[in-house]
Amino acid sequence: MSEFKPTYFPSRRPAQVVACEELTDGVVRLTLRDAFIAAHARPAQFVNLYTSNAQRLSPRPFGVCEVNGDEFTLIFAVIGKGTGEFRGLKPGQTVDVLGPLGRGYDLREPADYVLVGGGLGVPPLVRAAQELHGRDDCHATVLFGYRNVHFADRYAAKYSDDVRSIDESEGNVITILDRWAEERGIAGGADGHLLPCAEGERPVRILTCGPLGMMKAVSAWGRDHGVAVYASLEARMGCGFGTCVVCTVHTTRGILKTCVDGPVFNTAELEGWEAAR
């Protein structure tokens, strides 16, 4: 259930900075103008940003958060000198970009989608909510977990009327998943399967992105409740388009590359996740 990506995209090129704002301490929302990325970026696809320092050879990959006309936004944490440079970008300046890259979530199936994100894993899920918005054959429930500040709720709320979030003082995403399941009358069974959908009832699909431990817990929750889970993996990448073979992942289909075979995978095919609890 990984959506096909475009078979062509322009080479590395400058994109104009439209806006750059700090949402909370160390978390930045950057808006760039690039008509091709805005027109083609599917949920969970990412773009590479390149610093102006020629000694920093590797780009920084960021999942696309929203698109609007010929503009797109990114939300990222300031970790080191590269992301620190991006935080200092001003409107009117340019930054080199490449993308969109990877295979994103496949949202073609009519379903009730539950978008479960944690921390800086929320941008691809905001984009998924945006893509699902206005469709009569789907519903999007957004469940976000934060360390403290709920910095992305307002963006997801533009595309879903069911946005719920939690921080470490209250619990975690499994806490709100359990609450959602109780409301829906969904209970985990010994066989790990849901009752068949009633006629006309849409299946449930979970899309997740965030810290690895969180995604493994969501995958285990889905397995226990008979719900398929599709995770957008995060990985260190040297190139972002399959050449450097740095971002490998072990799957039931063999060793694959996160950047070109993913970043979205059905968690049932990820080796080592079956033991997660």
Protein backbone atom coordinates (compact mmCIF):
# COMPACT_ATOMS: atom_id res chain seq x y z
CA MET A 1 0.00 0.00 0.00
CA SER A 2 2.72 2.44 -0.98
CA GLU A 3 1.71 5.12 -3.42
CA PHE A 4 3.67 5.43 -6.62
CA LYS A 5 5.94 8.42 -6.93
CA PRO A 6 6.47 10.53 -10.06
CA THR A 7 8.82 8.88 -12.56
CA TYR A 8 10.47 12.25 -13.21
CA PHE A 9 11.45 15.19 -11.09
CA PRO A 10 13.66 18.21 -11.76
CA SER A 11 17.23 18.21 -10.55
CA ARG A 12 18.48 20.13 -7.51
CA ARG A 13 17.36 23.73 -7.81
CA PRO A 14 16.83 26.91 -5.76
CA ALA A 15 13.45 27.43 -4.07
CA GLN A 16 12.39 30.82 -2.76
CA VAL A 17 11.79 31.27 0.94
CA VAL A 18 8.29 32.61 1.64
CA ALA A 19 8.25 32.46 5.44
CA CYS A 20 10.21 31.02 8.34
CA GLU A 21 8.80 30.98 11.88
CA GLU A 22 9.62 29.27 15.16
CA LEU A 23 6.58 27.36 16.43
CA THR A 24 8.12 26.49 19.77
CA ASP A 25 11.61 26.20 21.17
CA GLY A 26 13.72 24.62 18.42
CA VAL A 27 10.81 23.71 16.12
CA VAL A 28 10.59 25.66 12.86
CA ARG A 29 7.96 25.97 10.13
CA LEU A 30 9.50 26.84 6.76
CA THR A 31 7.45 27.79 3.69
CA LEU A 32 9.10 27.52 0.28
CA ARG A 33 7.94 28.22 -3.27
CA ASP A 34 8.45 25.46 -5.84
CA ALA A 35 5.57 24.72 -8.21
CA PHE A 36 6.68 21.18 -9.05
CA ILE A 37 6.98 20.02 -5.43
CA ALA A 38 3.70 21.69 -4.49
CA ALA A 39 1.91 19.98 -7.38
CA HIS A 40 3.38 16.50 -6.91
CA ALA A 41 4.26 15.94 -3.24
CA ARG A 42 2.12 13.12 -1.87
CA PRO A 43 1.69 12.46 1.85
CA ALA A 44 4.91 11.09 3.44
CA GLN A 45 7.08 12.02 0.49
CA PHE A 46 10.04 14.17 1.44
CA VAL A 47 12.34 16.82 0.01
CA ASN A 48 16.07 17.28 0.44
CA LEU A 49 17.35 20.68 1.54
CA TYR A 50 20.99 21.61 0.99
CA THR A 51 22.99 24.03 3.11
CA SER A 52 25.12 26.78 1.59
CA ASN A 53 28.25 25.24 3.11
CA ALA A 54 29.96 23.12 0.45
CA GLN A 55 31.65 21.02 3.14
CA ARG A 56 28.26 19.73 4.33
CA LEU A 57 27.76 17.30 1.49
CA SER A 58 24.68 15.44 2.73
CA PRO A 59 21.28 17.10 2.37
CA ARG A 60 18.68 17.17 5.15
CA PRO A 61 15.45 15.25 4.34
CA PHE A 62 12.14 16.71 5.56
CA GLY A 63 8.60 15.41 5.06
CA VAL A 64 6.24 17.79 3.30
CA CYS A 65 3.63 19.15 5.71
CA GLU A 66 1.23 21.18 3.56
CA VAL A 67 0.88 22.46 0.02
CA ASN A 68 -0.89 25.63 -1.07
CA GLY A 69 -0.77 26.80 -4.68
CA ASP A 70 2.90 26.78 -5.67
CA GLU A 71 4.09 26.78 -2.04
CA PHE A 72 4.84 23.98 0.40
CA THR A 73 5.72 23.91 4.09
CA LEU A 74 8.09 21.89 6.23
CA ILE A 75 8.23 21.53 10.02
CA PHE A 76 11.53 20.43 11.53
CA ALA A 77 13.61 20.50 14.69
CA VAL A 78 16.84 22.46 14.87
CA ILE A 79 19.44 19.80 15.68
CA GLY A 80 22.79 20.97 14.33
CA LYS A 81 24.50 23.49 12.09
CA GLY A 82 22.59 22.48 8.96
CA THR A 83 19.12 22.86 10.40
CA GLY A 84 20.39 25.90 12.30
CA GLU A 85 21.18 27.52 8.95
CA PHE A 86 17.66 26.78 7.69
CA ARG A 87 16.17 28.39 10.80
CA GLY A 88 17.91 31.63 9.83
CA LEU A 89 16.45 31.81 6.32
CA LYS A 90 14.60 35.04 5.46
CA PRO A 91 11.76 35.68 2.98
CA GLY A 92 13.18 36.37 -0.45
CA GLN A 93 16.26 34.22 0.03
CA THR A 94 16.65 30.85 -1.69
CA VAL A 95 17.66 27.37 -0.59
CA ASP A 96 18.50 24.43 -2.84
CA VAL A 97 15.90 21.63 -2.87
CA LEU A 98 15.42 18.25 -4.51
CA GLY A 99 12.17 16.33 -4.64
CA PRO A 100 9.60 15.13 -4.02
CA LEU A 101 11.31 11.86 -3.10
CA GLY A 102 10.23 8.44 -1.87
CA ARG A 103 6.95 6.54 -1.89
CA GLY A 104 4.23 7.98 0.28
CA TYR A 105 0.98 6.76 1.82
CA ASP A 106 -1.49 5.23 -0.60
CA LEU A 107 -4.82 6.89 0.17
CA ARG A 108 -6.80 5.55 -2.78
CA GLU A 109 -8.78 3.04 -0.72
CA PRO A 110 -12.02 4.28 0.88
CA ALA A 111 -11.37 3.89 4.62
CA ASP A 112 -11.48 5.46 8.03
CA TYR A 113 -7.89 6.63 8.37
CA VAL A 114 -6.39 7.13 11.83
CA LEU A 115 -3.33 9.35 11.61
CA VAL A 116 -1.05 8.70 14.59
CA GLY A 117 1.98 10.95 14.96
CA GLY A 118 4.52 11.84 17.57
CA GLY A 119 6.86 14.80 17.88
CA LEU A 120 8.43 15.77 14.56
CA GLY A 121 6.64 12.87 12.86
CA VAL A 122 3.47 14.90 12.48
CA PRO A 123 4.17 16.77 9.17
CA PRO A 124 3.48 13.81 6.80
CA LEU A 125 0.21 13.19 8.64
CA VAL A 126 -0.92 16.79 8.29
CA ARG A 127 -0.29 16.35 4.55
CA ALA A 128 -2.33 13.11 4.62
CA ALA A 129 -5.21 14.91 6.34
CA GLN A 130 -5.00 17.61 3.69
CA GLU A 131 -5.16 15.00 0.91
CA LEU A 132 -8.17 13.27 2.48
CA HIS A 133 -10.02 16.51 3.20
CA GLY A 134 -13.28 16.84 1.27
CA ARG A 135 -13.53 13.20 0.20
CA ASP A 136 -16.92 11.58 0.82
CA ASP A 137 -15.51 8.04 0.93
CA CYS A 138 -12.99 8.63 3.74
CA HIS A 139 -12.70 10.03 7.24
CA ALA A 140 -9.53 11.20 8.96
CA THR A 141 -9.03 11.07 12.72
CA VAL A 142 -5.81 12.78 13.85
CA LEU A 143 -4.06 11.59 17.04
CA PHE A 144 -0.87 13.43 17.96
CA GLY A 145 1.50 12.95 20.89
CA TYR A 146 3.88 15.67 22.07
CA ARG A 147 6.54 16.11 24.70
CA ASN A 148 4.90 19.37 25.81
CA VAL A 149 3.77 22.07 23.33
CA HIS A 150 0.98 20.97 20.94
CA PHE A 151 2.52 22.82 18.00
CA ALA A 152 0.82 21.12 15.01
CA ASP A 153 -2.83 20.74 16.06
CA ARG A 154 -3.91 23.97 14.40
CA TYR A 155 -2.56 22.83 11.02
CA ALA A 156 -4.24 19.42 11.16
CA ALA A 157 -7.51 21.03 12.32
CA LYS A 158 -7.79 22.79 8.96
CA TYR A 159 -8.36 19.40 7.34
CA SER A 160 -10.02 17.25 10.01
CA ASP A 161 -12.77 18.00 12.52
CA ASP A 162 -11.48 15.18 14.76
CA VAL A 163 -8.04 16.18 16.06
CA ARG A 164 -6.94 14.86 19.45
CA SER A 165 -3.58 15.28 21.11
CA ILE A 166 -1.78 14.41 24.30
CA ASP A 167 1.52 15.24 25.97
CA GLU A 168 3.78 13.38 28.35
CA SER A 169 1.99 14.73 31.39
CA GLU A 170 -1.21 12.92 30.30
CA GLY A 171 0.00 9.77 28.57
CA ASN A 172 0.98 8.85 25.02
CA VAL A 173 -0.54 8.05 21.64
CA ILE A 174 -1.57 4.57 22.79
CA THR A 175 -3.65 6.28 25.49
CA ILE A 176 -5.67 8.19 22.91
CA LEU A 177 -5.77 5.21 20.55
CA ASP A 178 -7.41 3.21 23.32
CA ARG A 179 -9.92 6.00 23.95
CA TRP A 180 -10.73 6.20 20.23
CA ALA A 181 -11.16 2.42 20.01
CA GLU A 182 -13.48 2.42 23.03
CA GLU A 183 -15.67 5.05 21.37
CA ARG A 184 -15.77 2.97 18.18
CA GLY A 185 -16.50 -0.25 20.05
CA ILE A 186 -13.25 -1.79 18.83
CA ALA A 187 -11.68 -4.28 21.20
CA GLY A 188 -8.54 -6.33 20.80
CA GLY A 189 -9.16 -10.05 20.53
CA ALA A 190 -7.04 -13.10 21.20
CA ASP A 191 -6.90 -13.78 17.47
CA GLY A 192 -5.89 -10.19 16.69
CA HIS A 193 -8.70 -9.70 14.21
CA LEU A 194 -11.65 -7.38 14.01
CA LEU A 195 -15.10 -8.61 13.21
CA PRO A 196 -15.79 -8.23 9.49
CA CYS A 197 -17.02 -4.79 8.49
CA ALA A 198 -20.75 -4.44 8.27
CA GLU A 199 -22.14 -3.84 4.80
CA GLY A 200 -21.28 -0.32 3.74
CA GLU A 201 -18.87 0.19 6.66
CA ARG A 202 -15.39 1.39 5.77
CA PRO A 203 -12.30 -0.49 6.96
CA VAL A 204 -9.91 1.16 9.42
CA ARG A 205 -6.34 1.97 8.39
CA ILE A 206 -3.67 3.47 10.65
CA LEU A 207 -0.98 5.75 9.24
CA THR A 208 1.85 6.57 11.62
CA CYS A 209 5.07 8.57 11.75
CA GLY A 210 7.29 9.52 14.65
CA PRO A 211 9.89 8.04 17.00
CA LEU A 212 10.72 4.40 16.30
CA GLY A 213 9.52 3.17 19.71
CA MET A 214 6.21 4.93 19.26
CA MET A 215 5.65 3.48 15.80
CA LYS A 216 6.46 -0.03 17.02
CA ALA A 217 3.94 0.40 19.83
CA VAL A 218 1.32 1.61 17.32
CA SER A 219 2.14 -1.36 15.08
CA ALA A 220 1.63 -3.75 18.02
CA TRP A 221 -1.65 -2.02 18.87
CA GLY A 222 -2.82 -2.44 15.30
CA ARG A 223 -1.86 -6.08 15.24
CA ASP A 224 -3.72 -6.74 18.51
CA HIS A 225 -6.81 -5.00 17.15
CA GLY A 226 -6.70 -6.36 13.61
CA VAL A 227 -5.96 -2.99 12.00
CA ALA A 228 -3.34 -2.59 9.27
CA VAL A 229 -0.63 -0.07 10.12
CA TYR A 230 1.47 1.83 7.58
CA ALA A 231 4.56 3.56 8.98
CA SER A 232 6.62 6.34 7.45
CA LEU A 233 10.13 5.50 8.60
CA GLU A 234 12.80 7.99 9.48
CA ALA A 235 16.39 7.16 8.59
CA ARG A 236 19.80 8.73 8.13
CA MET A 237 20.20 9.33 4.41
CA GLY A 238 23.28 10.29 2.47
CA CYS A 239 21.58 11.05 -0.84
CA GLY A 240 17.83 10.45 -0.61
CA PHE A 241 17.46 8.73 -3.98
CA GLY A 242 18.98 5.27 -3.56
CA THR A 243 22.62 5.70 -4.53
CA CYS A 244 24.48 5.69 -1.22
CA VAL A 245 22.74 2.61 0.30
CA VAL A 246 22.88 4.08 3.82
CA CYS A 247 19.18 3.87 4.78
CA THR A 248 18.60 0.13 4.42
CA VAL A 249 15.76 -1.62 6.24
CA HIS A 250 15.20 -5.37 6.74
CA THR A 251 11.83 -6.57 5.49
CA THR A 252 10.09 -9.81 4.55
CA ARG A 253 10.90 -8.83 0.94
CA GLY A 254 14.60 -8.58 1.70
CA ILE A 255 16.82 -5.60 2.41
CA LEU A 256 15.23 -2.46 0.97
CA LYS A 257 16.10 1.24 0.90
CA THR A 258 14.01 3.59 3.01
CA CYS A 259 14.45 6.48 0.59
CA VAL A 260 13.20 4.81 -2.60
CA ASP A 261 11.29 1.70 -1.48
CA GLY A 262 9.72 3.74 1.35
CA PRO A 263 9.64 5.67 3.52
CA VAL A 264 6.17 4.08 3.89
CA PHE A 265 5.98 0.38 4.71
CA ASN A 266 3.24 -1.91 5.97
CA THR A 267 4.59 -2.72 9.44
CA ALA A 268 3.64 -6.38 8.96
CA GLU A 269 6.59 -6.67 6.56
CA LEU A 270 9.20 -5.04 8.82
CA GLU A 271 11.51 -7.55 10.45
CA GLY A 272 11.81 -7.32 14.21
CA TRP A 273 8.54 -5.45 14.65
CA GLU A 274 6.51 -8.58 15.32
CA ALA A 275 7.91 -8.74 18.88
CA ALA A 276 7.17 -5.09 19.70
CA ARG A 277 4.75 -4.50 22.56
